[in-house]
Amino acid sequence: AIDKALKRFKKKFEKTGVLRELRSRQAFEKRSV
């Protein structure tokens, strides 16, 4: 089923941390913070 393949893709994509990295780069964060 395409749903299962899509679910596997989403899991792999989450593990790469691309979205987390993008969100962290949206705004500058001071070193102390």
Full PDB file with SEQRES, HELIX, SHEET, SSBOND, CRYST1, ORIGX, SCALE, CONECT and MASTER records, all heavy atoms in Angstrom:
SEQRES   1 A   33  ALA ILE ASP LYS ALA LEU LYS ARG PHE LYS LYS LYS PHE          
SEQRES   2 A   33  GLU LYS THR GLY VAL LEU ARG GLU LEU ARG SER ARG GLN          
SEQRES   3 A   33  ALA PHE GLU LYS ARG SER VAL                                  
HELIX    1 AA1 ILE A    2  THR A   16  1                                  15    
HELIX    2 AA2 VAL A   18  GLN A   26  1                                   9    
CRYST1    1.000    1.000    1.000  90.00  90.00  90.00 P 1           1          
ORIGX1      1.000000  0.000000  0.000000        0.00000                         
ORIGX2      0.000000  1.000000  0.000000        0.00000                         
ORIGX3      0.000000  0.000000  1.000000        0.00000                         
SCALE1      1.000000  0.000000  0.000000        0.00000                         
SCALE2      0.000000  1.000000  0.000000        0.00000                         
SCALE3      0.000000  0.000000  1.000000        0.00000                         
ATOM      1  N   ALA A   1       0.839  -1.193   0.000  1.00  0.00           N  
ATOM      2  CA  ALA A   1       0.000   0.000   0.000  1.00  0.00           C  
ATOM      3  C   ALA A   1       0.881   1.252   0.000  1.00  0.00           C  
ATOM      4  O   ALA A   1       1.930   1.288   0.632  1.00  0.00           O  
ATOM      5  CB  ALA A   1      -0.913   0.001   1.215  1.00  0.00           C  
ATOM      6  N   ILE A   2       0.419   2.249  -0.706  1.00  0.00           N  
ATOM      7  CA  ILE A   2       1.152   3.509  -0.785  1.00  0.00           C  
ATOM      8  C   ILE A   2       1.238   4.152   0.604  1.00  0.00           C  
ATOM      9  O   ILE A   2       2.243   4.785   0.953  1.00  0.00           O  
ATOM     10  CB  ILE A   2       0.454   4.469  -1.774  1.00  0.00           C  
ATOM     11  CG1 ILE A   2       0.447   3.894  -3.192  1.00  0.00           C  
ATOM     12  CG2 ILE A   2       1.109   5.838  -1.776  1.00  0.00           C  
ATOM     13  CD1 ILE A   2       1.818   3.741  -3.811  1.00  0.00           C  
ATOM     14  N   ASP A   3       0.199   3.967   1.413  1.00  0.00           N  
ATOM     15  CA  ASP A   3       0.184   4.546   2.756  1.00  0.00           C  
ATOM     16  C   ASP A   3       1.364   4.049   3.595  1.00  0.00           C  
ATOM     17  O   ASP A   3       1.999   4.817   4.309  1.00  0.00           O  
ATOM     18  CB  ASP A   3      -1.126   4.228   3.473  1.00  0.00           C  
ATOM     19  CG  ASP A   3      -2.327   4.859   2.788  1.00  0.00           C  
ATOM     20  OD1 ASP A   3      -2.137   5.874   2.091  1.00  0.00           O  
ATOM     21  OD2 ASP A   3      -3.440   4.337   2.957  1.00  0.00           O  
ATOM     22  N   LYS A   4       1.636   2.746   3.497  1.00  0.00           N  
ATOM     23  CA  LYS A   4       2.735   2.171   4.269  1.00  0.00           C  
ATOM     24  C   LYS A   4       4.079   2.720   3.793  1.00  0.00           C  
ATOM     25  O   LYS A   4       4.953   3.036   4.598  1.00  0.00           O  
ATOM     26  CB  LYS A   4       2.737   0.651   4.175  1.00  0.00           C  
ATOM     27  CG  LYS A   4       1.712  -0.013   5.049  1.00  0.00           C  
ATOM     28  CD  LYS A   4       1.905  -1.512   5.078  1.00  0.00           C  
ATOM     29  CE  LYS A   4       0.897  -2.166   6.001  1.00  0.00           C  
ATOM     30  NZ  LYS A   4       1.114  -3.611   6.091  1.00  0.00           N  
ATOM     31  N   ALA A   5       4.238   2.821   2.481  1.00  0.00           N  
ATOM     32  CA  ALA A   5       5.483   3.342   1.931  1.00  0.00           C  
ATOM     33  C   ALA A   5       5.669   4.803   2.332  1.00  0.00           C  
ATOM     34  O   ALA A   5       6.772   5.233   2.664  1.00  0.00           O  
ATOM     35  CB  ALA A   5       5.489   3.203   0.410  1.00  0.00           C  
ATOM     36  N   LEU A   6       4.583   5.559   2.306  1.00  0.00           N  
ATOM     37  CA  LEU A   6       4.640   6.967   2.705  1.00  0.00           C  
ATOM     38  C   LEU A   6       5.004   7.097   4.177  1.00  0.00           C  
ATOM     39  O   LEU A   6       5.775   7.981   4.568  1.00  0.00           O  
ATOM     40  CB  LEU A   6       3.300   7.636   2.419  1.00  0.00           C  
ATOM     41  CG  LEU A   6       3.238   9.139   2.542  1.00  0.00           C  
ATOM     42  CD1 LEU A   6       4.198   9.785   1.562  1.00  0.00           C  
ATOM     43  CD2 LEU A   6       1.837   9.630   2.281  1.00  0.00           C  
ATOM     44  N   LYS A   7       4.475   6.194   4.992  1.00  0.00           N  
ATOM     45  CA  LYS A   7       4.766   6.210   6.428  1.00  0.00           C  
ATOM     46  C   LYS A   7       6.252   5.926   6.662  1.00  0.00           C  
ATOM     47  O   LYS A   7       6.906   6.588   7.477  1.00  0.00           O  
ATOM     48  CB  LYS A   7       3.911   5.164   7.130  1.00  0.00           C  
ATOM     49  CG  LYS A   7       3.915   5.274   8.624  1.00  0.00           C  
ATOM     50  CD  LYS A   7       2.909   4.333   9.240  1.00  0.00           C  
ATOM     51  CE  LYS A   7       2.822   4.531  10.731  1.00  0.00           C  
ATOM     52  NZ  LYS A   7       1.813   3.683  11.347  1.00  0.00           N  
ATOM     53  N   ARG A   8       6.831   4.987   5.913  1.00  0.00           N  
ATOM     54  CA  ARG A   8       8.248   4.677   6.032  1.00  0.00           C  
ATOM     55  C   ARG A   8       9.101   5.876   5.601  1.00  0.00           C  
ATOM     56  O   ARG A   8      10.112   6.203   6.216  1.00  0.00           O  
ATOM     57  CB  ARG A   8       8.626   3.459   5.203  1.00  0.00           C  
ATOM     58  CG  ARG A   8       8.244   2.155   5.869  1.00  0.00           C  
ATOM     59  CD  ARG A   8       8.864   0.965   5.193  1.00  0.00           C  
ATOM     60  NE  ARG A   8       8.263   0.801   3.875  1.00  0.00           N  
ATOM     61  CZ  ARG A   8       8.940   0.478   2.771  1.00  0.00           C  
ATOM     62  NH1 ARG A   8      10.235   0.292   2.833  1.00  0.00           N  
ATOM     63  NH2 ARG A   8       8.332   0.339   1.624  1.00  0.00           N  
ATOM     64  N   PHE A   9       8.645   6.545   4.533  1.00  0.00           N  
ATOM     65  CA  PHE A   9       9.358   7.728   4.063  1.00  0.00           C  
ATOM     66  C   PHE A   9       9.363   8.814   5.128  1.00  0.00           C  
ATOM     67  O   PHE A   9      10.383   9.433   5.396  1.00  0.00           O  
ATOM     68  CB  PHE A   9       8.718   8.265   2.775  1.00  0.00           C  
ATOM     69  CG  PHE A   9       9.263   9.593   2.352  1.00  0.00           C  
ATOM     70  CD1 PHE A   9      10.496   9.680   1.742  1.00  0.00           C  
ATOM     71  CD2 PHE A   9       8.549  10.754   2.585  1.00  0.00           C  
ATOM     72  CE1 PHE A   9      11.013  10.903   1.362  1.00  0.00           C  
ATOM     73  CE2 PHE A   9       9.055  11.985   2.214  1.00  0.00           C  
ATOM     74  CZ  PHE A   9      10.287  12.054   1.600  1.00  0.00           C  
ATOM     75  N   LYS A  10       8.207   9.041   5.737  1.00  0.00           N  
ATOM     76  CA  LYS A  10       8.100  10.079   6.763  1.00  0.00           C  
ATOM     77  C   LYS A  10       9.014   9.778   7.941  1.00  0.00           C  
ATOM     78  O   LYS A  10       9.652  10.673   8.504  1.00  0.00           O  
ATOM     79  CB  LYS A  10       6.653  10.216   7.238  1.00  0.00           C  
ATOM     80  CG  LYS A  10       5.760  10.916   6.240  1.00  0.00           C  
ATOM     81  CD  LYS A  10       4.361  11.046   6.766  1.00  0.00           C  
ATOM     82  CE  LYS A  10       3.447  11.723   5.771  1.00  0.00           C  
ATOM     83  NZ  LYS A  10       2.065  11.825   6.273  1.00  0.00           N  
ATOM     84  N   LYS A  11       9.095   8.488   8.347  1.00  0.00           N  
ATOM     85  CA  LYS A  11       9.963   8.103   9.456  1.00  0.00           C  
ATOM     86  C   LYS A  11      11.424   8.386   9.129  1.00  0.00           C  
ATOM     87  O   LYS A  11      12.163   8.948   9.932  1.00  0.00           O  
ATOM     88  CB  LYS A  11       9.801   6.619   9.778  1.00  0.00           C  
ATOM     89  CG  LYS A  11       8.715   6.315  10.760  1.00  0.00           C  
ATOM     90  CD  LYS A  11       8.763   4.855  11.147  1.00  0.00           C  
ATOM     91  CE  LYS A  11       7.607   4.501  12.062  1.00  0.00           C  
ATOM     92  NZ  LYS A  11       7.610   3.072  12.389  1.00  0.00           N  
ATOM     93  N   LYS A  12      11.847   7.998   7.911  1.00  0.00           N  
ATOM     94  CA  LYS A  12      13.229   8.226   7.513  1.00  0.00           C  
ATOM     95  C   LYS A  12      13.534   9.711   7.443  1.00  0.00           C  
ATOM     96  O   LYS A  12      14.603  10.161   7.840  1.00  0.00           O  
ATOM     97  CB  LYS A  12      13.511   7.589   6.148  1.00  0.00           C  
ATOM     98  CG  LYS A  12      13.888   6.152   6.210  1.00  0.00           C  
ATOM     99  CD  LYS A  12      14.413   5.673   4.884  1.00  0.00           C  
ATOM    100  CE  LYS A  12      14.895   4.255   4.973  1.00  0.00           C  
ATOM    101  NZ  LYS A  12      15.440   3.778   3.697  1.00  0.00           N  
ATOM    102  N   PHE A  13      12.564  10.479   6.933  1.00  0.00           N  
ATOM    103  CA  PHE A  13      12.744  11.918   6.798  1.00  0.00           C  
ATOM    104  C   PHE A  13      12.878  12.578   8.163  1.00  0.00           C  
ATOM    105  O   PHE A  13      13.710  13.461   8.353  1.00  0.00           O  
ATOM    106  CB  PHE A  13      11.563  12.522   6.031  1.00  0.00           C  
ATOM    107  CG  PHE A  13      11.710  13.985   5.734  1.00  0.00           C  
ATOM    108  CD1 PHE A  13      12.602  14.424   4.771  1.00  0.00           C  
ATOM    109  CD2 PHE A  13      10.963  14.915   6.424  1.00  0.00           C  
ATOM    110  CE1 PHE A  13      12.742  15.773   4.493  1.00  0.00           C  
ATOM    111  CE2 PHE A  13      11.098  16.269   6.155  1.00  0.00           C  
ATOM    112  CZ  PHE A  13      11.983  16.687   5.190  1.00  0.00           C  
ATOM    113  N   GLU A  14      12.093  12.136   9.122  1.00  0.00           N  
ATOM    114  CA  GLU A  14      12.171  12.682  10.479  1.00  0.00           C  
ATOM    115  C   GLU A  14      13.522  12.382  11.116  1.00  0.00           C  
ATOM    116  O   GLU A  14      14.086  13.209  11.822  1.00  0.00           O  
ATOM    117  CB  GLU A  14      11.057  12.103  11.351  1.00  0.00           C  
ATOM    118  CG  GLU A  14       9.946  13.070  11.616  1.00  0.00           C  
ATOM    119  CD  GLU A  14       8.895  12.501  12.530  1.00  0.00           C  
ATOM    120  OE1 GLU A  14       9.255  12.042  13.631  1.00  0.00           O  
ATOM    121  OE2 GLU A  14       7.725  12.526  12.139  1.00  0.00           O  
ATOM    122  N   LYS A  15      14.044  11.181  10.867  1.00  0.00           N  
ATOM    123  CA  LYS A  15      15.318  10.794  11.460  1.00  0.00           C  
ATOM    124  C   LYS A  15      16.474  11.638  10.936  1.00  0.00           C  
ATOM    125  O   LYS A  15      17.471  11.822  11.630  1.00  0.00           O  
ATOM    126  CB  LYS A  15      15.607   9.317  11.203  1.00  0.00           C  
ATOM    127  CG  LYS A  15      14.826   8.392  12.090  1.00  0.00           C  
ATOM    128  CD  LYS A  15      15.228   6.956  11.878  1.00  0.00           C  
ATOM    129  CE  LYS A  15      14.407   6.034  12.766  1.00  0.00           C  
ATOM    130  NZ  LYS A  15      14.790   4.640  12.562  1.00  0.00           N  
ATOM    131  N   THR A  16      16.349  12.152   9.711  1.00  0.00           N  
ATOM    132  CA  THR A  16      17.427  12.972   9.161  1.00  0.00           C  
ATOM    133  C   THR A  16      17.529  14.305   9.874  1.00  0.00           C  
ATOM    134  O   THR A  16      18.604  14.903   9.920  1.00  0.00           O  
ATOM    135  CB  THR A  16      17.235  13.237   7.653  1.00  0.00           C  
ATOM    136  OG1 THR A  16      15.996  13.907   7.455  1.00  0.00           O  
ATOM    137  CG2 THR A  16      17.282  11.955   6.860  1.00  0.00           C  
ATOM    138  N   GLY A  17      16.415  14.807  10.432  1.00  0.00           N  
ATOM    139  CA  GLY A  17      16.437  16.045  11.192  1.00  0.00           C  
ATOM    140  C   GLY A  17      16.440  17.300  10.345  1.00  0.00           C  
ATOM    141  O   GLY A  17      16.839  18.370  10.805  1.00  0.00           O  
ATOM    142  N   VAL A  18      16.010  17.201   9.087  1.00  0.00           N  
ATOM    143  CA  VAL A  18      16.008  18.343   8.177  1.00  0.00           C  
ATOM    144  C   VAL A  18      15.050  19.424   8.667  1.00  0.00           C  
ATOM    145  O   VAL A  18      15.402  20.607   8.730  1.00  0.00           O  
ATOM    146  CB  VAL A  18      15.638  17.906   6.742  1.00  0.00           C  
ATOM    147  CG1 VAL A  18      15.497  19.097   5.827  1.00  0.00           C  
ATOM    148  CG2 VAL A  18      16.678  16.957   6.207  1.00  0.00           C  
ATOM    149  N   LEU A  19      13.837  19.041   9.029  1.00  0.00           N  
ATOM    150  CA  LEU A  19      12.856  20.030   9.473  1.00  0.00           C  
ATOM    151  C   LEU A  19      13.288  20.711  10.766  1.00  0.00           C  
ATOM    152  O   LEU A  19      13.123  21.920  10.931  1.00  0.00           O  
ATOM    153  CB  LEU A  19      11.487  19.380   9.673  1.00  0.00           C  
ATOM    154  CG  LEU A  19      10.653  19.177   8.413  1.00  0.00           C  
ATOM    155  CD1 LEU A  19       9.317  18.544   8.762  1.00  0.00           C  
ATOM    156  CD2 LEU A  19      10.417  20.489   7.704  1.00  0.00           C  
ATOM    157  N   ARG A  20      13.844  19.941  11.674  1.00  0.00           N  
ATOM    158  CA  ARG A  20      14.314  20.502  12.941  1.00  0.00           C  
ATOM    159  C   ARG A  20      15.390  21.557  12.683  1.00  0.00           C  
ATOM    160  O   ARG A  20      15.396  22.638  13.271  1.00  0.00           O  
ATOM    161  CB  ARG A  20      14.864  19.382  13.822  1.00  0.00           C  
ATOM    162  CG  ARG A  20      14.996  19.737  15.261  1.00  0.00           C  
ATOM    163  CD  ARG A  20      15.439  18.575  16.145  1.00  0.00           C  
ATOM    164  NE  ARG A  20      14.864  17.294  15.782  1.00  0.00           N  
ATOM    165  CZ  ARG A  20      15.580  16.216  15.404  1.00  0.00           C  
ATOM    166  NH1 ARG A  20      16.880  16.267  15.377  1.00  0.00           N  
ATOM    167  NH2 ARG A  20      14.995  15.087  15.097  1.00  0.00           N  
ATOM    168  N   GLU A  21      16.296  21.233  11.753  1.00  0.00           N  
ATOM    169  CA  GLU A  21      17.363  22.155  11.403  1.00  0.00           C  
ATOM    170  C   GLU A  21      16.803  23.428  10.767  1.00  0.00           C  
ATOM    171  O   GLU A  21      17.225  24.542  11.090  1.00  0.00           O  
ATOM    172  CB  GLU A  21      18.337  21.474  10.432  1.00  0.00           C  
ATOM    173  CG  GLU A  21      19.525  22.308  10.055  1.00  0.00           C  
ATOM    174  CD  GLU A  21      20.545  22.420  11.161  1.00  0.00           C  
ATOM    175  OE1 GLU A  21      20.557  21.555  12.055  1.00  0.00           O  
ATOM    176  OE2 GLU A  21      21.314  23.400  11.139  1.00  0.00           O  
ATOM    177  N   LEU A  22      15.829  23.272   9.884  1.00  0.00           N  
ATOM    178  CA  LEU A  22      15.211  24.430   9.235  1.00  0.00           C  
ATOM    179  C   LEU A  22      14.554  25.350  10.258  1.00  0.00           C  
ATOM    180  O   LEU A  22      14.707  26.573  10.197  1.00  0.00           O  
ATOM    181  CB  LEU A  22      14.156  23.982   8.221  1.00  0.00           C  
ATOM    182  CG  LEU A  22      14.646  23.676   6.818  1.00  0.00           C  
ATOM    183  CD1 LEU A  22      13.505  23.128   5.972  1.00  0.00           C  
ATOM    184  CD2 LEU A  22      15.217  24.909   6.165  1.00  0.00           C  
ATOM    185  N   ARG A  23      13.824  24.772  11.172  1.00  0.00           N  
ATOM    186  CA  ARG A  23      13.142  25.575  12.181  1.00  0.00           C  
ATOM    187  C   ARG A  23      14.135  26.303  13.079  1.00  0.00           C  
ATOM    188  O   ARG A  23      13.904  27.441  13.479  1.00  0.00           O  
ATOM    189  CB  ARG A  23      12.215  24.698  13.009  1.00  0.00           C  
ATOM    190  CG  ARG A  23      11.000  24.266  12.230  1.00  0.00           C  
ATOM    191  CD  ARG A  23       9.952  23.602  13.108  1.00  0.00           C  
ATOM    192  NE  ARG A  23       8.836  23.169  12.295  1.00  0.00           N  
ATOM    193  CZ  ARG A  23       8.430  21.908  12.167  1.00  0.00           C  
ATOM    194  NH1 ARG A  23       9.042  20.958  12.833  1.00  0.00           N  
ATOM    195  NH2 ARG A  23       7.414  21.600  11.397  1.00  0.00           N  
ATOM    196  N   SER A  24      15.232  25.647  13.388  1.00  0.00           N  
ATOM    197  CA  SER A  24      16.216  26.295  14.259  1.00  0.00           C  
ATOM    198  C   SER A  24      16.919  27.440  13.534  1.00  0.00           C  
ATOM    199  O   SER A  24      17.347  28.409  14.162  1.00  0.00           O  
ATOM    200  CB  SER A  24      17.238  25.288  14.762  1.00  0.00           C  
ATOM    201  OG  SER A  24      18.059  24.844  13.705  1.00  0.00           O  
ATOM    202  N   ARG A  25      17.008  27.375  12.218  1.00  0.00           N  
ATOM    203  CA  ARG A  25      17.687  28.425  11.453  1.00  0.00           C  
ATOM    204  C   ARG A  25      16.763  29.580  11.071  1.00  0.00           C  
ATOM    205  O   ARG A  25      17.222  30.569  10.515  1.00  0.00           O  
ATOM    206  CB  ARG A  25      18.290  27.840  10.174  1.00  0.00           C  
ATOM    207  CG  ARG A  25      19.488  26.961  10.434  1.00  0.00           C  
ATOM    208  CD  ARG A  25      20.024  26.397   9.152  1.00  0.00           C  
ATOM    209  NE  ARG A  25      21.113  25.490   9.408  1.00  0.00           N  
ATOM    210  CZ  ARG A  25      22.205  25.441   8.659  1.00  0.00           C  
ATOM    211  NH1 ARG A  25      22.332  26.233   7.625  1.00  0.00           N  
ATOM    212  NH2 ARG A  25      23.150  24.588   8.947  1.00  0.00           N  
ATOM    213  N   GLN A  26      15.483  29.459  11.334  1.00  0.00           N  
ATOM    214  CA  GLN A  26      14.558  30.524  10.967  1.00  0.00           C  
ATOM    215  C   GLN A  26      14.854  31.807  11.728  1.00  0.00           C  
ATOM    216  O   GLN A  26      14.737  32.899  11.192  1.00  0.00           O  
ATOM    217  CB  GLN A  26      13.109  30.108  11.225  1.00  0.00           C  
ATOM    218  CG  GLN A  26      12.524  29.298  10.101  1.00  0.00           C  
ATOM    219  CD  GLN A  26      11.076  28.957  10.351  1.00  0.00           C  
ATOM    220  OE1 GLN A  26      10.606  28.982  11.479  1.00  0.00           O  
ATOM    221  NE2 GLN A  26      10.362  28.632   9.293  1.00  0.00           N  
ATOM    222  N   ALA A  27      15.232  31.686  12.971  1.00  0.00           N  
ATOM    223  CA  ALA A  27      15.523  32.859  13.784  1.00  0.00           C  
ATOM    224  C   ALA A  27      16.849  32.635  14.501  1.00  0.00           C  
ATOM    225  O   ALA A  27      17.155  31.532  14.942  1.00  0.00           O  
ATOM    226  CB  ALA A  27      14.414  33.091  14.798  1.00  0.00           C  
ATOM    227  N   PHE A  28      17.616  33.686  14.624  1.00  0.00           N  
ATOM    228  CA  PHE A  28      18.902  33.593  15.298  1.00  0.00           C  
ATOM    229  C   PHE A  28      18.706  33.394  16.794  1.00  0.00           C  
ATOM    230  O   PHE A  28      17.838  34.000  17.411  1.00  0.00           O  
ATOM    231  CB  PHE A  28      19.718  34.867  15.065  1.00  0.00           C  
ATOM    232  CG  PHE A  28      21.043  34.844  15.753  1.00  0.00           C  
ATOM    233  CD1 PHE A  28      22.079  34.086  15.260  1.00  0.00           C  
ATOM    234  CD2 PHE A  28      21.240  35.578  16.906  1.00  0.00           C  
ATOM    235  CE1 PHE A  28      23.299  34.052  15.906  1.00  0.00           C  
ATOM    236  CE2 PHE A  28      22.461  35.558  17.558  1.00  0.00           C  
ATOM    237  CZ  PHE A  28      23.490  34.796  17.046  1.00  0.00           C  
ATOM    238  N   GLU A  29      19.528  32.513  17.345  1.00  0.00           N  
ATOM    239  CA  GLU A  29      19.465  32.246  18.778  1.00  0.00           C  
ATOM    240  C   GLU A  29      20.840  32.541  19.378  1.00  0.00           C  
ATOM    241  O   GLU A  29      21.853  32.048  18.874  1.00  0.00           O  
ATOM    242  CB  GLU A  29      19.093  30.782  19.015  1.00  0.00           C  
ATOM    243  CG  GLU A  29      18.795  30.444  20.437  1.00  0.00           C  
ATOM    244  CD  GLU A  29      18.341  29.012  20.592  1.00  0.00           C  
ATOM    245  OE1 GLU A  29      18.961  28.131  19.974  1.00  0.00           O  
ATOM    246  OE2 GLU A  29      17.382  28.790  21.334  1.00  0.00           O  
ATOM    247  N   LYS A  30      20.855  33.351  20.411  1.00  0.00           N  
ATOM    248  CA  LYS A  30      22.123  33.700  21.034  1.00  0.00           C  
ATOM    249  C   LYS A  30      22.771  32.461  21.645  1.00  0.00           C  
ATOM    250  O   LYS A  30      22.102  31.493  21.986  1.00  0.00           O  
ATOM    251  CB  LYS A  30      21.901  34.740  22.130  1.00  0.00           C  
ATOM    252  CG  LYS A  30      21.472  36.077  21.586  1.00  0.00           C  
ATOM    253  CD  LYS A  30      21.351  37.194  22.579  1.00  0.00           C  
ATOM    254  CE  LYS A  30      21.382  36.900  24.018  1.00  0.00           C  
ATOM    255  NZ  LYS A  30      21.161  38.068  24.881  1.00  0.00           N  
ATOM    256  N   ARG A  31      24.096  32.519  21.755  1.00  0.00           N  
ATOM    257  CA  ARG A  31      24.829  31.375  22.307  1.00  0.00           C  
ATOM    258  C   ARG A  31      24.395  31.048  23.720  1.00  0.00           C  
ATOM    259  O   ARG A  31      24.280  29.886  24.100  1.00  0.00           O  
ATOM    260  CB  ARG A  31      26.320  31.648  22.299  1.00  0.00           C  
ATOM    261  CG  ARG A  31      26.958  31.466  20.961  1.00  0.00           C  
ATOM    262  CD  ARG A  31      28.447  31.563  21.101  1.00  0.00           C  
ATOM    263  NE  ARG A  31      29.080  31.372  19.803  1.00  0.00           N  
ATOM    264  CZ  ARG A  31      30.345  31.604  19.574  1.00  0.00           C  
ATOM    265  NH1 ARG A  31      31.112  32.045  20.537  1.00  0.00           N  
ATOM    266  NH2 ARG A  31      30.859  31.407  18.382  1.00  0.00           N  
ATOM    267  N   SER A  32      24.165  32.087  24.504  1.00  0.00           N  
ATOM    268  CA  SER A  32      23.791  31.861  25.901  1.00  0.00           C  
ATOM    269  C   SER A  32      22.442  31.146  25.981  1.00  0.00           C  
ATOM    270  O   SER A  32      22.246  30.256  26.818  1.00  0.00           O  
ATOM    271  CB  SER A  32      23.728  33.184  26.658  1.00  0.00           C  
ATOM    272  OG  SER A  32      22.783  34.052  26.070  1.00  0.00           O  
ATOM    273  N   VAL A  33      21.520  31.509  25.096  1.00  0.00           N  
ATOM    274  CA  VAL A  33      20.205  30.871  25.085  1.00  0.00           C  
ATOM    275  C   VAL A  33      20.329  29.423  24.618  1.00  0.00           C  
ATOM    276  O   VAL A  33      19.726  28.511  25.192  1.00  0.00           O  
ATOM    277  CB  VAL A  33      19.226  31.663  24.182  1.00  0.00           C  
ATOM    278  CG1 VAL A  33      17.900  30.937  24.074  1.00  0.00           C  
ATOM    279  CG2 VAL A  33      19.032  33.067  24.710  1.00  0.00           C  
TER     280      VAL A  33                                                      
MASTER        0    0    0    2    0    0    0    6  279    1    0    3          
END                                                                             
